[in-house]
Amino acid sequence: MLATSLSGIAEFERDFISERVKSGLAAAKAGSKTLGRQTGERPQVRSTRAEGQGPGC
């Protein structure tokens, strides 16, 4: 019975968090924010293995 009560509370909390995130995303879209990853060039990642800092060096 305790497990059932806790799972019900967890489900309610999950739904509440999901609703909050969706409303936040809708508000950001309404405020003309761009959502998602940034466009353009991504910076080059230095190879730590080439510098002798990575695993197996």
C-alpha atoms as a PDB file:
ATOM      1  CA  MET A   1       0.000   0.000   0.000  1.00  0.00           C
ATOM      2  CA  LEU A   2       2.871   2.381   0.734  1.00  0.00           C
ATOM      3  CA  ALA A   3       4.452   1.654  -2.654  1.00  0.00           C
ATOM      4  CA  THR A   4       1.173   2.427  -4.412  1.00  0.00           C
ATOM      5  CA  SER A   5       0.859   5.744  -2.601  1.00  0.00           C
ATOM      6  CA  LEU A   6       4.433   6.713  -3.394  1.00  0.00           C
ATOM      7  CA  SER A   7       4.055   5.791  -7.058  1.00  0.00           C
ATOM      8  CA  GLY A   8       0.893   7.913  -7.267  1.00  0.00           C
ATOM      9  CA  ILE A   9       2.721  10.890  -5.796  1.00  0.00           C
ATOM     10  CA  ALA A  10       5.644  10.346  -8.183  1.00  0.00           C
ATOM     11  CA  GLU A  11       3.311  10.237 -11.175  1.00  0.00           C
ATOM     12  CA  PHE A  12       1.621  13.464 -10.058  1.00  0.00           C
ATOM     13  CA  GLU A  13       5.016  15.124  -9.650  1.00  0.00           C
ATOM     14  CA  ARG A  14       6.139  13.965 -13.116  1.00  0.00           C
ATOM     15  CA  ASP A  15       2.994  15.406 -14.696  1.00  0.00           C
ATOM     16  CA  PHE A  16       3.447  18.657 -12.794  1.00  0.00           C
ATOM     17  CA  ILE A  17       7.066  19.032 -13.961  1.00  0.00           C
ATOM     18  CA  SER A  18       6.116  18.248 -17.560  1.00  0.00           C
ATOM     19  CA  GLU A  19       3.342  20.843 -17.501  1.00  0.00           C
ATOM     20  CA  ARG A  20       5.709  23.464 -16.066  1.00  0.00           C
ATOM     21  CA  VAL A  21       8.327  22.800 -18.754  1.00  0.00           C
ATOM     22  CA  LYS A  22       5.770  22.982 -21.560  1.00  0.00           C
ATOM     23  CA  SER A  23       4.378  26.271 -20.274  1.00  0.00           C
ATOM     24  CA  GLY A  24       7.906  27.682 -19.979  1.00  0.00           C
ATOM     25  CA  LEU A  25       8.725  26.694 -23.552  1.00  0.00           C
ATOM     26  CA  ALA A  26       5.471  28.242 -24.778  1.00  0.00           C
ATOM     27  CA  ALA A  27       6.276  31.468 -22.926  1.00  0.00           C
ATOM     28  CA  ALA A  28       9.768  31.541 -24.438  1.00  0.00           C
ATOM     29  CA  LYS A  29       8.361  31.047 -27.932  1.00  0.00           C
ATOM     30  CA  ALA A  30       5.818  33.821 -27.344  1.00  0.00           C
ATOM     31  CA  GLY A  31       8.675  36.093 -26.279  1.00  0.00           C
ATOM     32  CA  SER A  32      10.376  35.384 -29.649  1.00  0.00           C
ATOM     33  CA  LYS A  33      13.223  33.406 -28.155  1.00  0.00           C
ATOM     34  CA  THR A  34      14.938  30.887 -30.394  1.00  0.00           C
ATOM     35  CA  LEU A  35      14.826  27.397 -28.987  1.00  0.00           C
ATOM     36  CA  GLY A  36      17.215  24.533 -29.650  1.00  0.00           C
ATOM     37  CA  ARG A  37      20.842  24.387 -30.604  1.00  0.00           C
ATOM     38  CA  GLN A  38      22.662  27.420 -31.896  1.00  0.00           C
ATOM     39  CA  THR A  39      23.357  27.551 -35.612  1.00  0.00           C
ATOM     40  CA  GLY A  40      26.743  28.179 -37.139  1.00  0.00           C
ATOM     41  CA  GLU A  41      30.216  26.799 -36.765  1.00  0.00           C
ATOM     42  CA  ARG A  42      31.055  24.727 -33.745  1.00  0.00           C
ATOM     43  CA  PRO A  43      34.476  25.281 -32.164  1.00  0.00           C
ATOM     44  CA  GLN A  44      37.081  22.640 -32.834  1.00  0.00           C
ATOM     45  CA  VAL A  45      37.752  20.299 -29.934  1.00  0.00           C
ATOM     46  CA  ARG A  46      41.383  19.814 -29.080  1.00  0.00           C
ATOM     47  CA  SER A  47      42.558  16.262 -28.967  1.00  0.00           C
ATOM     48  CA  THR A  48      43.801  15.500 -25.463  1.00  0.00           C
ATOM     49  CA  ARG A  49      45.357  12.275 -26.703  1.00  0.00           C
ATOM     50  CA  ALA A  50      47.583  14.272 -29.071  1.00  0.00           C
ATOM     51  CA  GLU A  51      48.654  16.407 -26.116  1.00  0.00           C
ATOM     52  CA  GLY A  52      49.460  13.351 -24.029  1.00  0.00           C
ATOM     53  CA  GLN A  53      46.685  13.902 -21.499  1.00  0.00           C
ATOM     54  CA  GLY A  54      44.084  11.338 -22.559  1.00  0.00           C
ATOM     55  CA  PRO A  55      43.612   7.747 -21.410  1.00  0.00           C
ATOM     56  CA  GLY A  56      46.121   5.252 -22.725  1.00  0.00           C
ATOM     57  CA  CYS A  57      48.970   7.745 -23.032  1.00  0.00           C
END
